[in-house]
Protein backbone atom coordinates (compact mmCIF):
# COMPACT_ATOMS: atom_id res chain seq x y z
CA MET A 1 -38.79 44.67 -30.69
CA GLN A 2 -38.64 44.08 -26.92
CA VAL A 3 -35.96 42.89 -24.52
CA SER A 4 -37.76 39.57 -24.08
CA ASP A 5 -37.26 38.91 -27.80
CA LEU A 6 -33.52 38.60 -27.19
CA PHE A 7 -34.10 35.27 -25.43
CA ARG A 8 -35.92 33.69 -28.35
CA TYR A 9 -32.83 31.93 -29.62
CA LYS A 10 -34.76 29.80 -32.09
CA ASN A 11 -35.58 32.89 -34.14
CA PRO A 12 -32.99 33.10 -36.93
CA GLU A 13 -32.50 36.86 -36.58
CA ILE A 14 -31.96 36.62 -32.81
CA LYS A 15 -29.47 33.80 -33.32
CA ALA A 16 -27.64 35.91 -35.91
CA LEU A 17 -27.58 38.87 -33.50
CA HIS A 18 -26.01 36.82 -30.70
CA LEU A 19 -23.49 35.18 -33.01
CA THR A 20 -22.45 38.59 -34.33
CA TRP A 21 -22.12 40.46 -31.04
CA ILE A 22 -20.02 37.60 -29.66
CA ALA A 23 -17.71 37.93 -32.67
CA PHE A 24 -17.47 41.67 -32.02
CA PHE A 25 -16.93 41.04 -28.31
CA ILE A 26 -14.02 38.67 -28.97
CA SER A 27 -12.51 41.07 -31.51
CA PHE A 28 -12.50 43.93 -29.01
CA TYR A 29 -11.23 41.60 -26.29
CA VAL A 30 -8.15 40.87 -28.41
CA TRP A 31 -7.84 44.47 -29.60
CA PHE A 32 -7.51 45.81 -26.05
CA ASN A 33 -5.64 42.91 -24.47
CA MET A 34 -2.36 44.77 -24.01
CA ALA A 35 -3.29 47.46 -21.46
CA PRO A 36 -4.28 45.11 -18.60
CA LEU A 37 -0.93 43.30 -18.86
CA ALA A 38 1.34 46.27 -19.62
CA THR A 39 3.03 46.38 -16.21
CA THR A 40 3.50 42.62 -16.22
CA MET A 41 5.08 42.84 -19.66
CA MET A 42 7.53 45.50 -18.49
CA LYS A 43 8.60 43.42 -15.50
CA SER A 44 8.96 40.26 -17.58
CA LEU A 45 10.85 41.75 -20.52
CA GLY A 46 13.04 44.10 -18.53
CA TRP A 47 13.87 46.39 -21.47
CA LEU A 48 10.29 47.53 -22.16
CA THR A 49 9.61 51.00 -20.76
CA MET A 50 6.50 53.07 -20.18
CA LYS A 51 7.42 55.20 -23.22
CA ASP A 52 7.46 52.03 -25.29
CA VAL A 53 4.02 51.07 -23.99
CA LYS A 54 2.64 54.49 -24.92
CA ILE A 55 3.97 54.09 -28.44
CA LEU A 56 2.37 50.65 -28.68
CA ALA A 57 -0.90 52.16 -27.45
CA ILE A 58 -0.82 54.61 -30.37
CA CYS A 59 -0.06 51.73 -32.75
CA ASN A 60 -3.10 49.95 -31.37
CA VAL A 61 -5.43 52.43 -33.10
CA ALA A 62 -3.23 53.77 -35.91
CA LEU A 63 -4.63 51.73 -38.80
CA THR A 64 -8.20 51.42 -37.58
CA ILE A 65 -9.59 54.20 -39.78
CA PRO A 66 -8.07 53.01 -43.10
CA ALA A 67 -8.92 49.42 -42.18
CA ARG A 68 -12.57 50.38 -41.73
CA LEU A 69 -12.62 52.06 -45.13
CA ILE A 70 -11.14 49.00 -46.84
CA THR A 71 -13.40 46.66 -44.90
CA GLY A 72 -16.44 48.72 -45.84
CA MET A 73 -15.65 48.27 -49.53
CA ALA A 74 -15.01 44.54 -49.03
CA LEU A 75 -18.43 44.12 -47.39
CA TYR A 76 -20.27 45.02 -50.58
CA LYS A 77 -18.22 42.59 -52.63
CA PHE A 78 -17.88 39.57 -50.32
CA GLY A 79 -20.58 39.97 -47.67
CA PRO A 80 -20.21 40.35 -43.87
CA ARG A 81 -20.00 36.61 -43.13
CA ARG A 82 -16.85 36.12 -45.15
CA VAL A 83 -15.30 39.43 -44.17
CA PHE A 84 -15.86 38.94 -40.43
CA SER A 85 -14.54 35.37 -40.49
CA VAL A 86 -11.45 36.20 -42.55
CA LEU A 87 -10.75 39.31 -40.46
CA MET A 88 -10.79 37.35 -37.19
CA VAL A 89 -8.59 34.56 -38.53
CA ILE A 90 -6.03 36.86 -40.15
CA MET A 91 -5.80 39.22 -37.17
CA ALA A 92 -5.02 36.26 -34.92
CA VAL A 93 -1.59 36.12 -36.60
CA PRO A 94 -0.30 39.53 -35.41
CA ALA A 95 -1.94 38.86 -32.05
CA LEU A 96 0.19 35.73 -31.68
CA VAL A 97 3.30 37.54 -32.92
CA PHE A 98 2.74 40.19 -30.26
CA ALA A 99 2.22 37.56 -27.59
CA PHE A 100 5.57 35.93 -28.26
CA GLY A 101 7.50 38.98 -29.49
CA ASN A 102 11.02 39.41 -28.09
CA SER A 103 11.94 42.78 -29.59
CA PHE A 104 10.36 46.20 -29.76
CA ALA A 105 10.28 45.98 -33.56
CA GLN A 106 8.17 42.82 -33.37
CA LEU A 107 5.82 44.28 -30.78
CA LEU A 108 5.39 47.52 -32.73
CA ALA A 109 4.77 45.86 -36.10
CA ALA A 110 2.36 43.32 -34.62
CA ARG A 111 0.39 45.96 -32.71
CA LEU A 112 0.24 48.19 -35.78
CA VAL A 113 -1.25 45.43 -37.94
CA LEU A 114 -3.54 44.28 -35.14
CA SER A 115 -5.13 47.73 -34.99
CA SER A 116 -7.06 46.71 -38.11
CA ILE A 117 -9.26 44.47 -35.94
CA GLY A 118 -11.11 47.66 -35.00
CA ALA A 119 -12.85 47.33 -38.36
CA SER A 120 -14.91 44.50 -36.88
CA PHE A 121 -17.44 47.07 -35.66
CA VAL A 122 -18.33 48.00 -39.25
CA VAL A 123 -18.82 44.38 -40.27
CA GLY A 124 -21.23 43.58 -37.46
CA ILE A 125 -23.30 46.70 -38.07
CA HIS A 126 -23.76 45.66 -41.69
CA MET A 127 -24.62 42.08 -40.74
CA THR A 128 -27.23 43.25 -38.21
CA ALA A 129 -28.82 45.56 -40.77
CA LEU A 130 -29.22 42.63 -43.17
CA TRP A 131 -31.06 40.51 -40.61
CA PHE A 132 -33.52 42.95 -39.04
CA LYS A 133 -36.42 44.99 -40.30
CA PRO A 134 -35.99 48.77 -40.41
CA LYS A 135 -38.17 49.25 -37.31
CA ASP A 136 -35.96 46.88 -35.27
CA ILE A 137 -32.51 47.82 -36.59
CA GLY A 138 -31.89 50.56 -34.03
CA PHE A 139 -32.53 48.28 -31.05
CA ALA A 140 -30.58 45.38 -32.56
CA GLU A 141 -27.55 47.49 -33.45
CA GLY A 142 -27.55 49.14 -30.04
CA PHE A 143 -27.54 45.73 -28.38
CA TYR A 144 -24.79 44.54 -30.73
CA ALA A 145 -22.59 47.59 -30.15
CA GLY A 146 -23.11 47.67 -26.39
CA TRP A 147 -22.22 44.07 -25.68
CA GLY A 148 -19.47 44.04 -28.28
CA ASN A 149 -17.72 47.06 -26.80
CA PHE A 150 -17.86 45.35 -23.43
CA GLY A 151 -15.12 43.08 -24.75
CA SER A 152 -12.52 45.71 -23.88
CA ALA A 153 -13.76 45.87 -20.28
CA ALA A 154 -13.88 42.08 -20.08
CA ALA A 155 -10.24 41.93 -21.18
CA ALA A 156 -9.26 44.31 -18.37
CA MET A 157 -11.15 42.25 -15.80
CA THR A 158 -10.11 38.74 -16.82
CA LEU A 159 -6.69 38.81 -18.51
CA PRO A 160 -4.66 39.56 -15.36
CA TYR A 161 -6.32 36.61 -13.61
CA ILE A 162 -5.71 34.32 -16.59
CA ALA A 163 -2.07 35.40 -16.87
CA LEU A 164 -1.18 35.34 -13.19
CA THR A 165 -3.40 32.57 -11.83
CA MET A 166 -4.21 30.15 -14.64
CA PHE A 167 -0.79 30.19 -16.31
CA GLY A 168 1.52 31.99 -13.88
CA GLY A 169 5.25 32.47 -14.24
CA GLU A 170 7.12 35.12 -16.21
CA SER A 171 5.51 34.01 -19.47
CA GLY A 172 1.96 33.84 -18.16
CA TRP A 173 1.05 37.06 -19.93
CA ARG A 174 2.25 35.60 -23.23
CA TYR A 175 0.02 32.55 -22.93
CA ALA A 176 -2.94 34.68 -21.89
CA LEU A 177 -2.60 36.86 -24.99
CA ALA A 178 -2.04 33.82 -27.20
CA LEU A 179 -5.14 32.13 -25.80
CA SER A 180 -7.32 35.10 -26.72
CA ALA A 181 -5.86 35.09 -30.24
CA ILE A 182 -6.50 31.37 -30.70
CA ILE A 183 -10.09 31.74 -29.47
CA MET A 184 -10.63 34.57 -31.95
CA ALA A 185 -9.32 32.50 -34.85
CA ALA A 186 -11.43 29.49 -33.83
CA TYR A 187 -14.56 31.61 -33.56
CA GLY A 188 -13.82 33.13 -36.96
CA VAL A 189 -13.91 29.65 -38.50
CA PHE A 190 -17.08 28.81 -36.57
CA TYR A 191 -18.75 32.06 -37.66
CA TRP A 192 -18.16 31.18 -41.32
CA PHE A 193 -20.36 28.09 -41.03
CA ALA A 194 -22.83 29.28 -38.38
CA ILE A 195 -24.43 32.25 -40.12
CA THR A 196 -25.56 33.55 -43.50
CA ASP A 197 -25.67 37.02 -45.00
CA GLY A 198 -29.26 37.74 -44.13
CA PRO A 199 -32.38 35.57 -43.75
CA ALA A 200 -33.03 32.57 -45.97
CA GLY A 201 -34.26 33.63 -49.36
CA SER A 202 -32.66 37.06 -49.23
CA ILE A 203 -30.13 38.01 -51.86
CA HIS A 204 -26.92 39.82 -51.11
CA ARG A 205 -26.65 42.20 -54.03
CA LYS A 206 -23.13 43.06 -55.04
CA PRO A 207 -22.38 46.43 -56.62
CA ARG A 208 -21.01 46.45 -60.13
CA LYS A 209 -18.05 48.50 -59.03
CA VAL A 210 -16.32 48.99 -55.68
CA ALA A 211 -14.06 52.02 -55.64
CA ALA A 212 -13.07 55.09 -53.68
CA LEU A 213 -15.32 58.12 -53.41
CA GLU A 214 -15.42 60.22 -56.56
CA VAL A 215 -14.56 63.89 -56.16
CA SER A 216 -16.10 66.17 -58.79
CA THR A 217 -15.95 69.64 -57.21
CA TRP A 218 -13.43 71.73 -55.31
CA GLY A 219 -15.75 71.78 -52.31
CA ASP A 220 -15.91 67.98 -52.24
CA MET A 221 -12.14 67.79 -52.49
CA ILE A 222 -11.73 70.09 -49.49
CA LYS A 223 -14.22 68.02 -47.48
CA LEU A 224 -12.39 64.83 -48.42
CA LEU A 225 -9.08 66.34 -47.31
CA ILE A 226 -10.64 67.29 -43.99
CA CYS A 227 -11.88 63.71 -43.54
CA THR A 228 -8.34 62.38 -43.99
CA VAL A 229 -6.95 64.58 -41.20
CA PRO A 230 -7.63 62.04 -38.38
CA MET A 231 -6.18 59.16 -40.40
CA VAL A 232 -3.00 61.01 -41.37
CA GLY A 233 -2.79 62.77 -38.03
CA ILE A 234 -2.50 59.63 -35.92
CA LEU A 235 0.21 58.26 -38.21
CA VAL A 236 2.11 61.54 -37.87
CA ILE A 237 1.81 61.35 -34.08
CA LEU A 238 3.05 57.75 -34.15
CA VAL A 239 6.15 58.60 -36.20
CA TRP A 240 6.80 61.66 -34.02
CA ARG A 241 6.60 59.63 -30.81
CA ILE A 242 8.95 56.99 -32.20
CA GLN A 243 11.50 59.60 -33.24
CA SER A 244 11.18 61.64 -30.05
CA SER A 245 11.81 58.48 -28.04
CA GLY A 246 15.14 58.04 -29.80
CA TYR A 247 14.46 54.93 -31.85
CA GLY A 248 16.21 56.33 -34.89
CA THR A 249 15.23 58.70 -37.69
CA GLY A 250 13.60 56.17 -40.01
CA TRP A 251 11.68 52.95 -40.24
CA ALA A 252 14.84 51.17 -41.37
CA TYR A 253 15.98 51.17 -37.77
CA LEU A 254 12.98 49.13 -36.68
CA LEU A 255 12.83 46.93 -39.75
CA SER A 256 16.53 46.04 -39.58
CA GLY A 257 16.25 44.73 -36.03
CA ASP A 258 15.88 45.78 -32.45
CA SER A 259 18.46 47.79 -30.54
CA ARG A 260 18.65 45.25 -27.71
CA ASP A 261 20.31 41.90 -27.65
CA SER A 262 18.77 38.65 -26.44
CA HIS A 263 19.74 39.46 -22.85
CA GLY A 264 17.80 42.72 -22.88
CA SER A 265 20.89 44.95 -22.90
CA SER A 266 21.03 47.88 -25.29
CA GLN A 267 23.38 47.74 -28.26
CA VAL A 268 22.93 51.45 -28.79
CA SER A 269 21.23 53.94 -26.53
CA HIS A 270 17.67 54.72 -27.56
CA LYS A 271 17.17 57.67 -25.24
CA HIS A 272 19.18 60.54 -26.68
CA PRO A 273 17.84 63.90 -25.55
CA THR A 274 20.45 65.78 -27.58
CA GLN A 275 21.04 66.22 -31.29
CA GLU A 276 24.38 64.44 -30.87
CA GLY A 277 22.54 61.36 -29.66
CA ARG A 278 20.26 61.40 -32.65
CA ALA A 279 23.26 61.82 -34.93
CA GLU A 280 24.75 58.71 -33.33
CA ASP A 281 21.54 56.85 -34.19
CA GLY A 282 21.91 57.97 -37.80
CA GLN A 283 25.51 56.72 -37.92
CA TYR A 284 24.34 53.45 -36.42
CA LEU A 285 21.78 53.11 -39.16
CA GLN A 286 24.41 53.61 -41.82
CA ARG A 287 26.79 51.09 -40.26
CA ARG A 288 24.17 48.44 -39.55
CA PRO A 289 23.93 45.81 -42.32
CA GLY A 290 20.60 45.20 -43.95
CA PRO A 291 18.37 42.27 -43.06
C-alpha cells in the first residue's frame, strides 16, 4: 500500500479508513477539549481554581483503561460500527453536561464519565483490521492512529478561537465545548449508516461467549494483578487528590451537592490544611441533608 492509495476515495477500504480516522479524530478532539479553555473557565466561573483543574485532568483519563476493556469485549459481540456509533452518541451527553456545568460536582462527574471516550482508539483499530489485508494493516492503522491523535492538537489550536472569536462573551467557552459534543453525536449517527463491519460479503463472526480472562495458575493471577495496577492506581490518585484538596472525606460530599452557592461563594471552606479543617468537613457531611 502506498501513500497515493489514500486518495482513491472510491475504493471501499480507503473510504472506510477515512470515515474511521475522522471518527477517532473527533473523539479525541472532544476528549481533550478542556485544557485549551482551562484559564477561560477559571475566569468565567470565578470559583474554579488551578487545583480543581488538575483534579479534572486526572478524571479525564481515570476510566479510560476499564472502558477499553469493556469496549474490547463489546466489539466481538456487536461489531465496531455499532460500538463506535453508540460510544460517540452516548459520550456526547457528559460532554454537554461538562459544557454547561455550574458546580464542581457536575464538572467532576461529567469529566470522569467522558474519560471513557478514550476507548475509541480500540474500536477504530479493530475496524481498520477488518477492512485491510494483513500486508496493508500496519500502514492503514498507522495512518488511522496518527491522524486520529491529531484531534487533541486540533482542539488546542481551534477551541480558543471558536470560544473567544466565534461565540465570545463569558459563556463562549461553554458553547465551544457544546458544539464539539454535538458534532461528535451527529457524526456518530452518520457513522452508523456510512460504513459496514468489513468489506461486502465478509462475515463478522461473533464468539460464543464474551467474558473476562480466565486465570488458571498462580503465575497468571500474579500477572493479572500487575496489569490492574495502572487502572487501580489512577483511581487511587484521583481520590487522594480530591481528599488532599479538602473536598471532604467521601464521595457523598460531591454527590450531595457542591460547596458553593449560585453566586460562587463558598458555603464551607474546601481548603483546610489542618486536621481540624478536615474534621469540619466531616461534620458538614453529617449535617448536610441527603439529595
